[in-house]
Amino acid sequence: MRARVEAELSQDSTFPARPVWWDKGHRLGVGVIPDGTNRDSAARRVCNLMLKHGISPAEVEVYDVLQIQNDDEWVQVGAAQCE
């Protein structure tokens, strides 16, 4: 199921990198290019994808991918609980 979620995310330009990490099989961290806004809506989109593939309960955390790449800083810019 994880591979399917990752494959679908790779087709979405909102998420320019592979998912950052999976934790305990139900929490997913993804990276986005920051635009100065809260990215909870992006997290909810990932939730919908996870629920579609039967991953529930689930959580999504969205991080600034540029901060991770450039400074190794994990700046969270969005999140969602998938229900």
N, C-alpha and C. Protein backbone atom coordinates (compact mmCIF):
# COMPACT_ATOMS: atom_id res chain seq x y z
N MET A 1 0.81 -1.19 0.00
CA MET A 1 0.00 0.00 0.00
C MET A 1 0.86 1.26 0.00
N ARG A 2 1.95 1.22 0.76
CA ARG A 2 2.84 2.39 0.80
C ARG A 2 3.37 2.73 -0.59
N ALA A 3 3.77 1.71 -1.32
CA ALA A 3 4.32 1.93 -2.66
C ALA A 3 3.28 2.57 -3.58
N ARG A 4 2.03 2.16 -3.44
CA ARG A 4 0.97 2.74 -4.26
C ARG A 4 0.77 4.22 -3.92
N VAL A 5 0.76 4.52 -2.64
CA VAL A 5 0.61 5.91 -2.20
C VAL A 5 1.77 6.74 -2.74
N GLU A 6 2.99 6.25 -2.59
CA GLU A 6 4.17 6.97 -3.07
C GLU A 6 4.12 7.16 -4.59
N ALA A 7 3.68 6.15 -5.31
CA ALA A 7 3.59 6.25 -6.77
C ALA A 7 2.60 7.34 -7.18
N GLU A 8 1.47 7.39 -6.51
CA GLU A 8 0.48 8.42 -6.85
C GLU A 8 0.97 9.81 -6.46
N LEU A 9 1.66 9.92 -5.32
CA LEU A 9 2.20 11.22 -4.91
C LEU A 9 3.24 11.71 -5.89
N SER A 10 4.01 10.79 -6.47
CA SER A 10 5.05 11.20 -7.40
C SER A 10 4.47 11.81 -8.68
N GLN A 11 3.20 11.55 -8.95
CA GLN A 11 2.53 12.11 -10.12
C GLN A 11 1.96 13.50 -9.85
N ASP A 12 1.99 13.94 -8.60
CA ASP A 12 1.41 15.22 -8.20
C ASP A 12 2.52 16.25 -8.02
N SER A 13 2.51 17.30 -8.81
CA SER A 13 3.59 18.30 -8.75
C SER A 13 3.64 19.07 -7.44
N THR A 14 2.60 18.98 -6.63
CA THR A 14 2.61 19.63 -5.31
C THR A 14 3.71 19.04 -4.43
N PHE A 15 4.01 17.77 -4.65
CA PHE A 15 4.97 17.04 -3.83
C PHE A 15 6.18 16.68 -4.69
N PRO A 16 7.19 17.56 -4.75
CA PRO A 16 8.30 17.38 -5.69
C PRO A 16 9.30 16.30 -5.31
N ALA A 17 9.21 15.77 -4.12
CA ALA A 17 10.18 14.76 -3.68
C ALA A 17 9.42 13.53 -3.18
N ARG A 18 10.14 12.42 -3.13
CA ARG A 18 9.53 11.23 -2.52
C ARG A 18 9.11 11.57 -1.10
N PRO A 19 8.11 10.87 -0.57
CA PRO A 19 7.73 11.13 0.83
C PRO A 19 8.96 11.09 1.72
N VAL A 20 8.99 12.01 2.65
CA VAL A 20 10.15 12.16 3.52
C VAL A 20 10.32 10.94 4.41
N TRP A 21 9.25 10.47 5.03
CA TRP A 21 9.34 9.29 5.88
C TRP A 21 7.97 8.75 6.22
N TRP A 22 7.97 7.48 6.57
CA TRP A 22 6.80 6.81 7.12
C TRP A 22 7.13 6.48 8.57
N ASP A 23 6.17 6.59 9.45
CA ASP A 23 6.39 6.24 10.84
C ASP A 23 5.26 5.34 11.30
N LYS A 24 5.62 4.19 11.81
CA LYS A 24 4.66 3.23 12.35
C LYS A 24 3.60 2.81 11.35
N GLY A 25 3.88 2.99 10.06
CA GLY A 25 2.99 2.51 9.03
C GLY A 25 1.76 3.36 8.78
N HIS A 26 1.55 4.39 9.60
CA HIS A 26 0.34 5.18 9.40
C HIS A 26 0.57 6.70 9.43
N ARG A 27 1.78 7.11 9.70
CA ARG A 27 2.09 8.55 9.68
C ARG A 27 3.07 8.80 8.55
N LEU A 28 2.74 9.76 7.71
CA LEU A 28 3.54 10.05 6.54
C LEU A 28 4.00 11.50 6.57
N GLY A 29 5.29 11.71 6.33
CA GLY A 29 5.82 13.06 6.20
C GLY A 29 6.12 13.32 4.73
N VAL A 30 5.63 14.43 4.21
CA VAL A 30 5.86 14.78 2.82
C VAL A 30 6.44 16.19 2.74
N GLY A 31 7.13 16.46 1.64
CA GLY A 31 7.73 17.77 1.44
C GLY A 31 7.04 18.54 0.33
N VAL A 32 6.96 19.86 0.51
CA VAL A 32 6.41 20.75 -0.51
C VAL A 32 7.34 21.95 -0.66
N ILE A 33 7.23 22.61 -1.80
CA ILE A 33 7.91 23.88 -1.99
C ILE A 33 7.07 24.92 -1.25
N PRO A 34 7.65 25.67 -0.33
CA PRO A 34 6.86 26.62 0.45
C PRO A 34 6.37 27.78 -0.41
N ASP A 35 5.18 28.25 -0.07
CA ASP A 35 4.65 29.43 -0.76
C ASP A 35 4.14 30.47 0.24
N GLY A 36 4.52 30.29 1.51
CA GLY A 36 4.14 31.25 2.54
C GLY A 36 2.77 31.00 3.16
N THR A 37 2.08 29.96 2.69
CA THR A 37 0.76 29.67 3.23
C THR A 37 0.79 28.38 4.04
N ASN A 38 -0.24 28.20 4.85
CA ASN A 38 -0.43 26.96 5.58
C ASN A 38 -0.77 25.88 4.56
N ARG A 39 -0.20 24.71 4.71
CA ARG A 39 -0.39 23.63 3.72
C ARG A 39 -1.23 22.48 4.26
N ASP A 40 -2.15 22.79 5.20
CA ASP A 40 -3.05 21.76 5.70
C ASP A 40 -3.88 21.15 4.57
N SER A 41 -4.23 21.94 3.56
CA SER A 41 -5.03 21.40 2.46
C SER A 41 -4.25 20.35 1.68
N ALA A 42 -2.94 20.54 1.54
CA ALA A 42 -2.10 19.53 0.88
C ALA A 42 -2.07 18.26 1.73
N ALA A 43 -2.00 18.42 3.04
CA ALA A 43 -2.02 17.26 3.93
C ALA A 43 -3.34 16.51 3.80
N ARG A 44 -4.45 17.23 3.70
CA ARG A 44 -5.75 16.57 3.55
C ARG A 44 -5.83 15.81 2.23
N ARG A 45 -5.20 16.34 1.17
CA ARG A 45 -5.16 15.62 -0.11
C ARG A 45 -4.43 14.29 0.04
N VAL A 46 -3.31 14.31 0.78
CA VAL A 46 -2.57 13.07 1.02
C VAL A 46 -3.40 12.12 1.87
N CYS A 47 -4.12 12.67 2.85
CA CYS A 47 -5.01 11.83 3.66
C CYS A 47 -6.01 11.09 2.78
N ASN A 48 -6.63 11.81 1.85
CA ASN A 48 -7.60 11.17 0.97
C ASN A 48 -6.98 10.02 0.20
N LEU A 49 -5.76 10.20 -0.23
CA LEU A 49 -5.04 9.16 -0.95
C LEU A 49 -4.76 7.96 -0.04
N MET A 50 -4.34 8.23 1.18
CA MET A 50 -4.06 7.14 2.12
C MET A 50 -5.33 6.36 2.45
N LEU A 51 -6.42 7.08 2.68
CA LEU A 51 -7.69 6.42 2.98
C LEU A 51 -8.15 5.58 1.79
N LYS A 52 -7.95 6.09 0.59
CA LYS A 52 -8.31 5.36 -0.63
C LYS A 52 -7.60 4.01 -0.69
N HIS A 53 -6.37 3.97 -0.17
CA HIS A 53 -5.59 2.73 -0.20
C HIS A 53 -5.69 1.94 1.10
N GLY A 54 -6.66 2.29 1.93
CA GLY A 54 -6.93 1.50 3.13
C GLY A 54 -6.00 1.76 4.30
N ILE A 55 -5.26 2.86 4.29
CA ILE A 55 -4.39 3.19 5.41
C ILE A 55 -5.16 4.09 6.35
N SER A 56 -5.66 3.50 7.43
CA SER A 56 -6.47 4.23 8.40
C SER A 56 -6.39 3.51 9.73
N PRO A 57 -6.26 4.23 10.83
CA PRO A 57 -6.12 5.68 10.93
C PRO A 57 -4.77 6.12 10.37
N ALA A 58 -4.68 7.38 10.05
CA ALA A 58 -3.44 7.89 9.47
C ALA A 58 -3.27 9.36 9.82
N GLU A 59 -2.02 9.81 9.69
CA GLU A 59 -1.67 11.21 9.91
C GLU A 59 -0.71 11.63 8.81
N VAL A 60 -0.77 12.91 8.44
CA VAL A 60 0.14 13.46 7.45
C VAL A 60 0.77 14.73 8.01
N GLU A 61 2.08 14.84 7.86
CA GLU A 61 2.80 16.05 8.23
C GLU A 61 3.48 16.58 6.97
N VAL A 62 3.35 17.89 6.73
CA VAL A 62 3.90 18.51 5.53
C VAL A 62 5.06 19.41 5.94
N TYR A 63 6.20 19.23 5.27
CA TYR A 63 7.42 19.98 5.60
C TYR A 63 7.91 20.78 4.40
N ASP A 64 8.61 21.84 4.69
CA ASP A 64 9.27 22.69 3.70
C ASP A 64 10.47 21.91 3.16
N VAL A 65 10.36 21.38 1.94
CA VAL A 65 11.40 20.53 1.38
C VAL A 65 12.70 21.31 1.13
N LEU A 66 12.60 22.60 0.85
CA LEU A 66 13.81 23.39 0.62
C LEU A 66 14.62 23.55 1.90
N GLN A 67 13.95 23.74 3.03
CA GLN A 67 14.66 23.84 4.31
C GLN A 67 15.37 22.52 4.64
N ILE A 68 14.71 21.42 4.33
CA ILE A 68 15.33 20.11 4.59
C ILE A 68 16.57 19.95 3.73
N GLN A 69 16.45 20.27 2.44
CA GLN A 69 17.57 20.08 1.52
C GLN A 69 18.72 21.05 1.79
N ASN A 70 18.40 22.30 2.06
CA ASN A 70 19.44 23.32 2.19
C ASN A 70 20.06 23.41 3.57
N ASP A 71 19.23 23.28 4.60
CA ASP A 71 19.72 23.53 5.97
C ASP A 71 19.53 22.36 6.92
N ASP A 72 18.94 21.26 6.43
CA ASP A 72 18.61 20.12 7.28
C ASP A 72 17.72 20.55 8.45
N GLU A 73 16.86 21.54 8.20
CA GLU A 73 15.90 22.00 9.20
C GLU A 73 14.53 21.48 8.80
N TRP A 74 13.80 20.95 9.78
CA TRP A 74 12.49 20.37 9.54
C TRP A 74 11.43 21.38 9.96
N VAL A 75 10.99 22.18 9.00
CA VAL A 75 9.98 23.21 9.26
C VAL A 75 8.63 22.68 8.78
N GLN A 76 7.76 22.42 9.73
CA GLN A 76 6.44 21.89 9.39
C GLN A 76 5.53 23.03 8.94
N VAL A 77 4.88 22.83 7.78
CA VAL A 77 4.02 23.87 7.22
C VAL A 77 2.57 23.41 7.06
N GLY A 78 2.28 22.20 7.50
CA GLY A 78 0.90 21.71 7.43
C GLY A 78 0.78 20.33 8.06
N ALA A 79 -0.46 19.94 8.36
CA ALA A 79 -0.70 18.63 8.95
C ALA A 79 -2.19 18.30 8.84
N ALA A 80 -2.50 17.02 8.95
CA ALA A 80 -3.89 16.57 8.96
C ALA A 80 -3.99 15.20 9.62
N GLN A 81 -5.10 15.00 10.29
CA GLN A 81 -5.48 13.68 10.80
C GLN A 81 -6.42 13.09 9.76
N CYS A 82 -6.16 11.88 9.34
CA CYS A 82 -6.97 11.25 8.29
C CYS A 82 -8.06 10.40 8.93
N GLU A 83 -9.28 10.82 8.71
CA GLU A 83 -10.42 10.08 9.28
C GLU A 83 -11.49 9.89 8.25
